[in-house]
């Protein structure tokens, strides 16, 4: 079965490369906001443990990702419950939430890339993580790792590369 790619590679208006993912959830915007801001919720889907000080300039502490050293980012902008953006390594992560009705929310994740050649790798990783979030939002558990070299992202990575998404950055757990 071919991998289903849900991310889109794009160049932002300011010229920076990014990958974007859009999901619609059958939850009110406040509930989806907790999915993206609460450490107890993030643990179910985000690739790293993340503790976020929800104020501009606030620290974002990342830990437990098997492919990365523990690190600290900074909140760039926050507008509860509509927008959160923060730095992570050389990237920026943006979460945008749009209320579609009383109990539906459109969730958009934009990963602004520090280097274009990380697009395929990051897209594959986010696809796996967002599959975990999709399951969590349905009240299910995602079976298997959603981050690191044992996550089922390799097939997705190869499919993004085949689709022409920029690649070349080191792939976690790859020997080649």
Protein backbone atom coordinates (compact mmCIF):
# COMPACT_ATOMS: atom_id res chain seq x y z
CA UNK A 1 0.00 0.00 0.00
CA UNK A 2 1.39 3.41 -0.95
CA UNK A 3 1.99 5.95 1.79
CA UNK A 4 -0.65 8.67 2.00
CA UNK A 5 1.06 12.04 2.14
CA UNK A 6 -0.83 14.74 4.02
CA UNK A 7 1.79 17.49 4.08
CA UNK A 8 2.43 20.20 1.53
CA UNK A 9 5.81 21.81 0.81
CA UNK A 10 5.58 25.55 0.18
CA UNK A 11 7.54 28.77 0.13
CA UNK A 12 6.10 31.43 2.43
CA UNK A 13 5.61 35.02 1.30
CA UNK A 14 8.85 35.98 3.05
CA UNK A 15 10.77 33.36 1.03
CA UNK A 16 11.24 30.80 3.83
CA UNK A 17 10.55 27.12 3.05
CA UNK A 18 7.86 25.35 5.06
CA UNK A 19 5.71 22.25 5.26
CA UNK A 20 2.03 22.51 6.15
CA UNK A 21 -0.58 20.07 7.44
CA UNK A 22 -4.31 20.69 7.87
CA UNK A 23 -6.75 18.62 9.88
CA UNK A 24 -10.40 19.11 10.90
CA UNK A 25 -11.38 17.86 14.34
CA UNK A 26 -14.81 17.24 15.83
CA UNK A 27 -13.90 19.21 18.96
CA UNK A 28 -14.43 22.81 20.00
CA UNK A 29 -11.48 25.15 19.50
CA UNK A 30 -10.72 25.24 23.25
CA UNK A 31 -10.28 21.46 23.32
CA UNK A 32 -7.96 21.47 20.29
CA UNK A 33 -6.01 24.31 21.96
CA UNK A 34 -5.27 21.97 24.86
CA UNK A 35 -4.01 19.34 22.39
CA UNK A 36 -1.31 21.81 21.26
CA UNK A 37 -0.45 23.61 24.51
CA UNK A 38 -0.82 21.21 27.43
CA UNK A 39 2.18 18.97 28.20
CA UNK A 40 -0.18 16.18 29.31
CA UNK A 41 -1.87 16.26 25.89
CA UNK A 42 1.27 16.84 23.79
CA UNK A 43 2.84 13.67 25.18
CA UNK A 44 0.29 11.64 23.19
CA UNK A 45 1.36 12.96 19.80
CA UNK A 46 4.16 15.54 19.73
CA UNK A 47 7.61 14.13 18.80
CA UNK A 48 9.25 15.43 21.99
CA UNK A 49 8.09 16.12 25.49
CA UNK A 50 7.32 19.85 25.40
CA UNK A 51 6.58 22.19 28.28
CA UNK A 52 5.44 25.60 27.07
CA UNK A 53 5.43 28.90 28.96
CA UNK A 54 2.48 30.42 27.08
CA UNK A 55 3.65 34.02 26.74
CA UNK A 56 5.69 35.79 24.07
CA UNK A 57 9.35 35.06 24.81
CA UNK A 58 8.38 32.20 27.14
CA UNK A 59 10.54 29.09 27.18
CA UNK A 60 9.60 25.88 25.41
CA UNK A 61 11.54 23.00 26.92
CA UNK A 62 11.95 19.94 24.66
CA UNK A 63 13.10 16.60 26.05
CA UNK A 64 12.87 12.88 25.44
CA UNK A 65 13.13 12.87 21.63
CA UNK A 66 15.40 9.92 20.77
CA UNK A 67 16.73 11.73 17.67
CA UNK A 68 17.55 15.08 19.33
CA UNK A 69 19.37 16.46 22.32
CA UNK A 70 17.19 18.14 24.92
CA UNK A 71 16.82 21.81 24.01
CA UNK A 72 14.96 25.02 24.68
CA UNK A 73 12.99 27.15 22.24
CA UNK A 74 11.08 30.40 22.64
CA UNK A 75 7.45 31.32 22.14
CA UNK A 76 7.28 33.71 19.18
CA UNK A 77 3.57 34.53 19.39
CA UNK A 78 0.51 33.35 21.28
CA UNK A 79 -3.15 34.28 20.81
CA UNK A 80 -5.25 31.79 22.80
CA UNK A 81 -7.05 29.77 21.51
CA UNK A 82 -6.22 30.65 17.90
CA UNK A 83 -2.46 30.76 17.40
CA UNK A 84 0.80 29.55 18.92
CA UNK A 85 4.23 29.72 17.34
CA UNK A 86 7.61 28.87 18.80
CA UNK A 87 11.17 28.14 17.78
CA UNK A 88 12.57 24.61 17.85
CA UNK A 89 16.20 24.22 16.88
CA UNK A 90 16.49 26.08 13.53
CA UNK A 91 12.75 25.80 12.79
CA UNK A 92 9.57 27.59 13.79
CA UNK A 93 6.41 25.65 14.55
CA UNK A 94 3.05 27.40 14.03
CA UNK A 95 -0.30 26.07 15.22
CA UNK A 96 -3.36 27.89 13.88
CA UNK A 97 -6.88 26.98 14.97
CA UNK A 98 -10.03 28.08 13.19
CA UNK A 99 -13.47 27.49 14.65
CA UNK A 100 -15.65 25.82 12.00
CA UNK A 101 -18.70 25.59 14.19
CA UNK A 102 -19.54 25.06 17.82
CA UNK A 103 -17.83 21.66 17.94
CA UNK A 104 -15.48 21.62 14.91
CA UNK A 105 -12.03 23.08 14.54
CA UNK A 106 -9.61 23.35 11.64
CA UNK A 107 -6.06 22.74 12.85
CA UNK A 108 -3.14 23.92 10.72
CA UNK A 109 0.45 23.06 11.57
CA UNK A 110 3.12 24.95 9.64
CA UNK A 111 6.74 23.94 10.17
CA UNK A 112 8.87 26.85 8.92
CA UNK A 113 12.14 25.16 8.01
CA UNK A 114 15.58 26.39 8.95
CA UNK A 115 16.91 24.43 5.96
CA UNK A 116 14.96 23.43 2.86
CA UNK A 117 16.60 19.98 2.70
CA UNK A 118 14.76 18.97 5.91
CA UNK A 119 11.34 19.17 4.21
CA UNK A 120 10.90 15.47 3.34
CA UNK A 121 12.27 14.27 6.68
CA UNK A 122 10.14 16.66 8.72
CA UNK A 123 7.04 15.97 6.62
CA UNK A 124 7.34 12.25 7.25
CA UNK A 125 7.80 12.83 10.97
CA UNK A 126 4.84 15.19 11.21
CA UNK A 127 2.65 12.75 9.26
CA UNK A 128 3.34 10.09 11.89
CA UNK A 129 2.86 12.50 14.80
CA UNK A 130 -0.39 13.84 13.38
CA UNK A 131 -1.66 10.28 12.90
CA UNK A 132 -1.12 9.94 16.65
CA UNK A 133 -2.99 13.22 17.24
CA UNK A 134 -5.82 12.08 14.94
CA UNK A 135 -6.16 8.89 16.99
CA UNK A 136 -5.98 10.79 20.30
CA UNK A 137 -8.67 13.23 19.10
CA UNK A 138 -10.92 10.23 18.35
CA UNK A 139 -10.35 8.89 21.86
CA UNK A 140 -8.01 6.14 20.67
CA UNK A 141 -4.37 5.39 21.39
CA UNK A 142 -1.76 5.40 18.64
CA UNK A 143 0.07 2.11 18.71
CA UNK A 144 3.82 2.25 18.27
CA UNK A 145 6.31 5.09 18.52
CA UNK A 146 5.39 8.40 16.93
CA UNK A 147 8.95 9.78 16.99
CA UNK A 148 12.46 8.50 16.49
CA UNK A 149 14.07 5.85 14.31
CA UNK A 150 11.48 3.18 15.18
CA UNK A 151 8.51 5.30 14.06
CA UNK A 152 6.83 4.20 10.82
CA UNK A 153 8.08 7.28 8.96
CA UNK A 154 10.64 5.73 6.59
CA UNK A 155 8.05 4.77 3.94
CA UNK A 156 6.52 8.24 4.22
CA UNK A 157 9.95 9.84 3.89
CA UNK A 158 10.69 7.88 0.71
CA UNK A 159 7.26 8.84 -0.68
CA UNK A 160 7.88 12.55 0.03
CA UNK A 161 11.29 12.29 -1.68
CA UNK A 162 9.66 10.54 -4.68
CA UNK A 163 7.07 13.35 -4.80
CA UNK A 164 9.88 15.87 -5.21
CA UNK A 165 9.86 17.36 -1.71
CA UNK A 166 13.36 18.68 -0.90
CA UNK A 167 15.50 16.16 0.95
CA UNK A 168 19.09 15.44 1.88
CA UNK A 169 19.16 16.16 5.61
CA UNK A 170 20.24 13.23 7.82
CA UNK A 171 17.41 10.79 8.48
CA UNK A 172 17.18 9.47 12.10
CA UNK A 173 18.26 5.87 12.37
CA UNK A 174 19.35 5.58 8.73
CA UNK A 175 22.69 3.91 8.04
CA UNK A 176 23.01 5.34 4.52
